[in-house]
Amino acid sequence: MKKSILFSIAFLIAVVSHAQEKRDLKHNKDTNLIEVVYYHDNGVVSQTGTYTLDGKLQGEWFRYDTEGKKQVSANYDNGKKVGKWFFWNKTTLKEVDYDNNAIASVSEWEIKVPVADSN
């Protein structure tokens, strides 16, 4: 019961936050999916992806920070998390593998920034 309530609250927060963002929608007749692009307040793309006609997340989704740097690469199949997801921040890259909408494994690597040549 608690899980259901927490999920409902998280879902409503996500829907409300997306409802307030500027977005572009386009029906792709070839794939029969809705292509969407969400924008940050500064006009930079915040997310891209596709929905099924009944509103389920489908295919590859990408999330970007306010400077346009990729933060997340995700995959959905009919609203379920599948395959490899990648999460970037300034110091790490995290890979999360999903199987049957559940985390199967997690790997993490440190991002090494090259040292500038002083010559």
N, C-alpha and C. Protein backbone atom coordinates (compact mmCIF):
# COMPACT_ATOMS: atom_id res chain seq x y z
N MET A 1 0.81 -1.19 0.00
CA MET A 1 0.00 0.00 0.00
C MET A 1 0.86 1.26 0.00
N LYS A 2 1.89 1.29 0.89
CA LYS A 2 2.78 2.45 0.95
C LYS A 2 3.48 2.66 -0.38
N LYS A 3 3.93 1.53 -1.01
CA LYS A 3 4.62 1.63 -2.29
C LYS A 3 3.72 2.27 -3.33
N SER A 4 2.46 1.87 -3.35
CA SER A 4 1.49 2.40 -4.30
C SER A 4 1.29 3.89 -4.11
N ILE A 5 1.18 4.33 -2.86
CA ILE A 5 0.99 5.75 -2.58
C ILE A 5 2.22 6.54 -2.97
N LEU A 6 3.41 6.05 -2.61
CA LEU A 6 4.65 6.74 -2.97
C LEU A 6 4.80 6.83 -4.48
N PHE A 7 4.49 5.74 -5.19
CA PHE A 7 4.58 5.75 -6.65
C PHE A 7 3.62 6.78 -7.23
N SER A 8 2.40 6.83 -6.71
CA SER A 8 1.41 7.79 -7.21
C SER A 8 1.86 9.22 -7.00
N ILE A 9 2.44 9.50 -5.84
CA ILE A 9 2.94 10.86 -5.56
C ILE A 9 4.08 11.20 -6.51
N ALA A 10 5.03 10.28 -6.68
CA ALA A 10 6.16 10.52 -7.59
C ALA A 10 5.67 10.74 -9.02
N PHE A 11 4.69 9.95 -9.44
CA PHE A 11 4.14 10.09 -10.78
C PHE A 11 3.49 11.45 -10.96
N LEU A 12 2.70 11.88 -9.99
CA LEU A 12 2.03 13.18 -10.09
C LEU A 12 3.04 14.32 -10.13
N ILE A 13 4.10 14.24 -9.34
CA ILE A 13 5.14 15.27 -9.37
C ILE A 13 5.78 15.33 -10.75
N ALA A 14 6.07 14.17 -11.34
CA ALA A 14 6.68 14.12 -12.67
C ALA A 14 5.74 14.72 -13.72
N VAL A 15 4.46 14.38 -13.65
CA VAL A 15 3.50 14.89 -14.62
C VAL A 15 3.35 16.40 -14.49
N VAL A 16 3.24 16.90 -13.27
CA VAL A 16 3.08 18.33 -13.06
C VAL A 16 4.32 19.08 -13.52
N SER A 17 5.51 18.55 -13.24
CA SER A 17 6.73 19.25 -13.67
C SER A 17 6.84 19.29 -15.18
N HIS A 18 6.44 18.21 -15.86
CA HIS A 18 6.46 18.23 -17.33
C HIS A 18 5.38 19.13 -17.88
N ALA A 19 4.24 19.21 -17.22
CA ALA A 19 3.14 20.03 -17.71
C ALA A 19 3.53 21.50 -17.72
N GLN A 20 4.46 21.90 -16.84
CA GLN A 20 4.86 23.30 -16.76
C GLN A 20 5.99 23.63 -17.73
N GLU A 21 6.67 22.63 -18.29
CA GLU A 21 7.76 22.87 -19.22
C GLU A 21 7.22 23.14 -20.62
N LYS A 22 7.94 23.97 -21.38
CA LYS A 22 7.61 24.15 -22.79
C LYS A 22 7.97 22.87 -23.51
N ARG A 23 7.15 22.48 -24.47
CA ARG A 23 7.42 21.26 -25.20
C ARG A 23 6.89 21.35 -26.62
N ASP A 24 7.49 20.55 -27.50
CA ASP A 24 7.03 20.38 -28.87
C ASP A 24 6.62 18.93 -29.04
N LEU A 25 5.46 18.70 -29.63
CA LEU A 25 4.96 17.35 -29.89
C LEU A 25 4.73 17.17 -31.38
N LYS A 26 5.04 15.96 -31.86
CA LYS A 26 4.81 15.66 -33.28
C LYS A 26 4.45 14.18 -33.41
N HIS A 27 3.40 13.90 -34.15
CA HIS A 27 3.03 12.50 -34.39
C HIS A 27 3.83 11.99 -35.58
N ASN A 28 4.63 10.95 -35.36
CA ASN A 28 5.40 10.33 -36.44
C ASN A 28 4.54 9.22 -37.02
N LYS A 29 4.01 9.44 -38.22
CA LYS A 29 3.09 8.47 -38.82
C LYS A 29 3.79 7.17 -39.20
N ASP A 30 5.10 7.23 -39.47
CA ASP A 30 5.85 6.01 -39.83
C ASP A 30 5.97 5.06 -38.64
N THR A 31 6.25 5.61 -37.45
CA THR A 31 6.42 4.78 -36.25
C THR A 31 5.15 4.72 -35.41
N ASN A 32 4.21 5.60 -35.70
CA ASN A 32 2.98 5.74 -34.94
C ASN A 32 3.26 6.06 -33.47
N LEU A 33 4.29 6.89 -33.25
CA LEU A 33 4.67 7.36 -31.92
C LEU A 33 4.59 8.88 -31.87
N ILE A 34 4.45 9.41 -30.66
CA ILE A 34 4.47 10.85 -30.45
C ILE A 34 5.90 11.24 -30.07
N GLU A 35 6.54 12.06 -30.90
CA GLU A 35 7.89 12.55 -30.60
C GLU A 35 7.75 13.83 -29.79
N VAL A 36 8.53 13.93 -28.71
CA VAL A 36 8.42 15.09 -27.83
C VAL A 36 9.80 15.65 -27.52
N VAL A 37 9.86 16.97 -27.43
CA VAL A 37 11.06 17.68 -27.00
C VAL A 37 10.62 18.64 -25.90
N TYR A 38 11.21 18.51 -24.72
CA TYR A 38 10.95 19.42 -23.60
C TYR A 38 12.11 20.41 -23.53
N TYR A 39 11.82 21.63 -23.04
CA TYR A 39 12.82 22.69 -22.96
C TYR A 39 12.94 23.22 -21.54
N HIS A 40 14.17 23.57 -21.15
CA HIS A 40 14.41 24.30 -19.91
C HIS A 40 13.88 25.72 -20.09
N ASP A 41 13.76 26.45 -18.99
CA ASP A 41 13.30 27.85 -19.05
C ASP A 41 14.19 28.73 -19.92
N ASN A 42 15.48 28.37 -20.04
CA ASN A 42 16.40 29.17 -20.85
C ASN A 42 16.35 28.80 -22.34
N GLY A 43 15.45 27.89 -22.73
CA GLY A 43 15.29 27.53 -24.13
C GLY A 43 16.11 26.34 -24.57
N VAL A 44 17.02 25.87 -23.74
CA VAL A 44 17.85 24.70 -24.05
C VAL A 44 17.01 23.43 -23.88
N VAL A 45 17.21 22.46 -24.76
CA VAL A 45 16.49 21.20 -24.69
C VAL A 45 16.76 20.52 -23.36
N SER A 46 15.71 20.06 -22.68
CA SER A 46 15.89 19.34 -21.41
C SER A 46 15.69 17.84 -21.58
N GLN A 47 14.76 17.41 -22.46
CA GLN A 47 14.52 15.99 -22.71
C GLN A 47 14.02 15.78 -24.13
N THR A 48 14.36 14.60 -24.66
CA THR A 48 13.80 14.19 -25.95
C THR A 48 13.41 12.72 -25.84
N GLY A 49 12.36 12.35 -26.55
CA GLY A 49 11.95 10.95 -26.54
C GLY A 49 10.64 10.77 -27.26
N THR A 50 10.07 9.58 -27.11
CA THR A 50 8.81 9.26 -27.77
C THR A 50 7.86 8.57 -26.80
N TYR A 51 6.57 8.76 -27.07
CA TYR A 51 5.49 8.13 -26.33
C TYR A 51 4.68 7.27 -27.30
N THR A 52 4.05 6.23 -26.77
CA THR A 52 3.06 5.51 -27.55
C THR A 52 1.80 6.37 -27.58
N LEU A 53 0.87 6.04 -28.44
CA LEU A 53 -0.35 6.82 -28.53
C LEU A 53 -1.18 6.77 -27.25
N ASP A 54 -0.97 5.74 -26.43
CA ASP A 54 -1.69 5.67 -25.15
C ASP A 54 -0.86 6.24 -23.99
N GLY A 55 0.22 6.99 -24.31
CA GLY A 55 0.96 7.75 -23.30
C GLY A 55 2.08 7.04 -22.59
N LYS A 56 2.50 5.87 -23.07
CA LYS A 56 3.61 5.15 -22.43
C LYS A 56 4.93 5.54 -23.07
N LEU A 57 5.97 5.68 -22.23
CA LEU A 57 7.30 6.00 -22.75
C LEU A 57 7.77 4.85 -23.63
N GLN A 58 8.43 5.21 -24.75
CA GLN A 58 8.86 4.20 -25.71
C GLN A 58 10.19 4.59 -26.34
N GLY A 59 11.10 3.63 -26.45
CA GLY A 59 12.36 3.88 -27.15
C GLY A 59 13.36 4.66 -26.32
N GLU A 60 14.29 5.32 -27.04
CA GLU A 60 15.36 6.07 -26.38
C GLU A 60 14.88 7.42 -25.89
N TRP A 61 15.29 7.75 -24.67
CA TRP A 61 15.03 9.06 -24.08
C TRP A 61 16.36 9.64 -23.64
N PHE A 62 16.51 10.95 -23.78
CA PHE A 62 17.72 11.64 -23.35
C PHE A 62 17.33 12.83 -22.49
N ARG A 63 18.11 13.07 -21.44
CA ARG A 63 17.92 14.25 -20.58
C ARG A 63 19.20 15.06 -20.60
N TYR A 64 19.05 16.39 -20.64
CA TYR A 64 20.18 17.31 -20.73
C TYR A 64 20.08 18.35 -19.61
N ASP A 65 21.25 18.87 -19.19
CA ASP A 65 21.25 19.93 -18.19
C ASP A 65 20.95 21.27 -18.88
N THR A 66 20.94 22.35 -18.11
CA THR A 66 20.58 23.66 -18.65
C THR A 66 21.61 24.22 -19.62
N GLU A 67 22.78 23.58 -19.69
CA GLU A 67 23.81 23.98 -20.66
C GLU A 67 23.80 23.09 -21.89
N GLY A 68 22.91 22.09 -21.92
CA GLY A 68 22.80 21.21 -23.08
C GLY A 68 23.69 19.98 -23.01
N LYS A 69 24.32 19.73 -21.87
CA LYS A 69 25.16 18.54 -21.71
C LYS A 69 24.29 17.34 -21.35
N LYS A 70 24.55 16.22 -22.00
CA LYS A 70 23.76 15.01 -21.75
C LYS A 70 23.99 14.51 -20.33
N GLN A 71 22.89 14.23 -19.63
CA GLN A 71 22.94 13.70 -18.27
C GLN A 71 22.48 12.25 -18.19
N VAL A 72 21.47 11.90 -19.00
CA VAL A 72 20.89 10.56 -18.93
C VAL A 72 20.53 10.08 -20.32
N SER A 73 20.83 8.80 -20.57
CA SER A 73 20.37 8.09 -21.75
C SER A 73 19.58 6.89 -21.24
N ALA A 74 18.29 6.81 -21.63
CA ALA A 74 17.41 5.78 -21.08
C ALA A 74 16.68 5.06 -22.21
N ASN A 75 16.19 3.86 -21.92
CA ASN A 75 15.44 3.07 -22.89
C ASN A 75 14.18 2.52 -22.25
N TYR A 76 13.09 2.63 -23.00
CA TYR A 76 11.79 2.11 -22.55
C TYR A 76 11.19 1.22 -23.62
N ASP A 77 10.41 0.26 -23.17
CA ASP A 77 9.61 -0.57 -24.06
C ASP A 77 8.20 -0.62 -23.49
N ASN A 78 7.32 0.12 -24.16
CA ASN A 78 5.92 0.16 -23.74
C ASN A 78 5.78 0.58 -22.27
N GLY A 79 6.56 1.60 -21.87
CA GLY A 79 6.48 2.15 -20.53
C GLY A 79 7.37 1.47 -19.50
N LYS A 80 8.03 0.38 -19.88
CA LYS A 80 8.90 -0.34 -18.94
C LYS A 80 10.37 -0.02 -19.22
N LYS A 81 11.16 0.08 -18.14
CA LYS A 81 12.59 0.34 -18.26
C LYS A 81 13.27 -0.92 -18.79
N VAL A 82 14.08 -0.75 -19.84
CA VAL A 82 14.78 -1.89 -20.44
C VAL A 82 16.19 -1.49 -20.83
N GLY A 83 17.05 -2.49 -20.97
CA GLY A 83 18.39 -2.29 -21.52
C GLY A 83 19.29 -1.45 -20.65
N LYS A 84 20.27 -0.86 -21.31
CA LYS A 84 21.29 -0.07 -20.62
C LYS A 84 20.87 1.38 -20.51
N TRP A 85 20.99 1.91 -19.31
CA TRP A 85 20.78 3.33 -19.05
C TRP A 85 22.13 3.89 -18.61
N PHE A 86 22.40 5.12 -19.02
CA PHE A 86 23.66 5.77 -18.65
C PHE A 86 23.36 7.10 -17.96
N PHE A 87 24.11 7.37 -16.87
CA PHE A 87 23.97 8.59 -16.10
C PHE A 87 25.34 9.25 -16.00
N TRP A 88 25.45 10.49 -16.48
CA TRP A 88 26.70 11.23 -16.43
C TRP A 88 26.60 12.36 -15.42
N ASN A 89 27.71 12.61 -14.73
CA ASN A 89 27.87 13.86 -14.00
C ASN A 89 29.31 14.28 -14.20
N LYS A 90 29.77 15.26 -13.47
CA LYS A 90 31.12 15.79 -13.71
C LYS A 90 32.22 14.78 -13.44
N THR A 91 31.99 13.84 -12.54
CA THR A 91 33.07 12.94 -12.13
C THR A 91 32.84 11.46 -12.43
N THR A 92 31.60 11.08 -12.76
CA THR A 92 31.34 9.65 -12.96
C THR A 92 30.40 9.38 -14.13
N LEU A 93 30.52 8.17 -14.64
CA LEU A 93 29.57 7.60 -15.60
C LEU A 93 29.04 6.34 -14.94
N LYS A 94 27.71 6.27 -14.84
CA LYS A 94 27.08 5.10 -14.23
C LYS A 94 26.25 4.40 -15.30
N GLU A 95 26.41 3.08 -15.38
CA GLU A 95 25.61 2.25 -16.28
C GLU A 95 24.69 1.38 -15.45
N VAL A 96 23.40 1.46 -15.73
CA VAL A 96 22.41 0.65 -15.03
C VAL A 96 21.73 -0.22 -16.07
N ASP A 97 21.79 -1.53 -15.88
CA ASP A 97 21.13 -2.47 -16.79
C ASP A 97 19.80 -2.87 -16.21
N TYR A 98 18.75 -2.74 -17.03
CA TYR A 98 17.40 -3.13 -16.61
C TYR A 98 16.99 -4.40 -17.33
N ASP A 99 16.33 -5.27 -16.59
CA ASP A 99 15.75 -6.49 -17.14
C ASP A 99 14.37 -6.64 -16.53
N ASN A 100 13.35 -6.72 -17.37
CA ASN A 100 11.98 -6.88 -16.90
C ASN A 100 11.59 -5.76 -15.94
N ASN A 101 11.99 -4.52 -16.27
CA ASN A 101 11.65 -3.31 -15.53
C ASN A 101 12.28 -3.25 -14.14
N ALA A 102 13.34 -4.05 -13.92
CA ALA A 102 14.04 -4.05 -12.63
C ALA A 102 15.55 -3.95 -12.88
N ILE A 103 16.26 -3.36 -11.94
CA ILE A 103 17.71 -3.23 -12.07
C ILE A 103 18.35 -4.60 -11.99
N ALA A 104 19.13 -4.94 -13.04
CA ALA A 104 19.84 -6.22 -13.09
C ALA A 104 21.29 -6.05 -12.63
N SER A 105 21.90 -4.90 -12.98
CA SER A 105 23.28 -4.64 -12.56
C SER A 105 23.59 -3.15 -12.67
N VAL A 106 24.62 -2.73 -11.92
CA VAL A 106 25.07 -1.35 -11.93
C VAL A 106 26.58 -1.34 -12.02
N SER A 107 27.12 -0.51 -12.92
CA SER A 107 28.57 -0.31 -13.02
C SER A 107 28.83 1.18 -12.97
N GLU A 108 29.97 1.56 -12.41
CA GLU A 108 30.30 2.98 -12.31
C GLU A 108 31.78 3.18 -12.61
N TRP A 109 32.07 4.25 -13.37
CA TRP A 109 33.44 4.59 -13.73
C TRP A 109 33.70 6.05 -13.39
N GLU A 110 34.93 6.33 -13.02
CA GLU A 110 35.36 7.70 -12.78
C GLU A 110 35.72 8.32 -14.12
N ILE A 111 35.29 9.55 -14.33
CA ILE A 111 35.63 10.27 -15.56
C ILE A 111 36.91 11.04 -15.28
N LYS A 112 37.93 10.76 -16.06
CA LYS A 112 39.21 11.43 -15.89
C LYS A 112 39.32 12.56 -16.91
N VAL A 113 39.49 13.76 -16.40
CA VAL A 113 39.60 14.93 -17.27
C VAL A 113 41.06 15.07 -17.67
N PRO A 114 41.34 15.17 -19.00
CA PRO A 114 42.73 15.30 -19.44
C PRO A 114 43.37 16.59 -18.91
N VAL A 115 44.64 16.49 -18.52
CA VAL A 115 45.38 17.64 -18.04
C VAL A 115 45.87 18.42 -19.26
N ALA A 116 45.65 19.74 -19.24
CA ALA A 116 46.06 20.58 -20.37
C ALA A 116 47.57 20.67 -20.44
N ASP A 117 48.09 20.66 -21.67
CA ASP A 117 49.52 20.78 -21.92
C ASP A 117 49.93 22.22 -21.65
N SER A 118 50.97 22.44 -20.87
CA SER A 118 51.38 23.79 -20.49
C SER A 118 52.28 24.47 -21.52
N ASN A 119 52.59 23.78 -22.64
CA ASN A 119 53.46 24.40 -23.66
C ASN A 119 52.72 25.33 -24.53
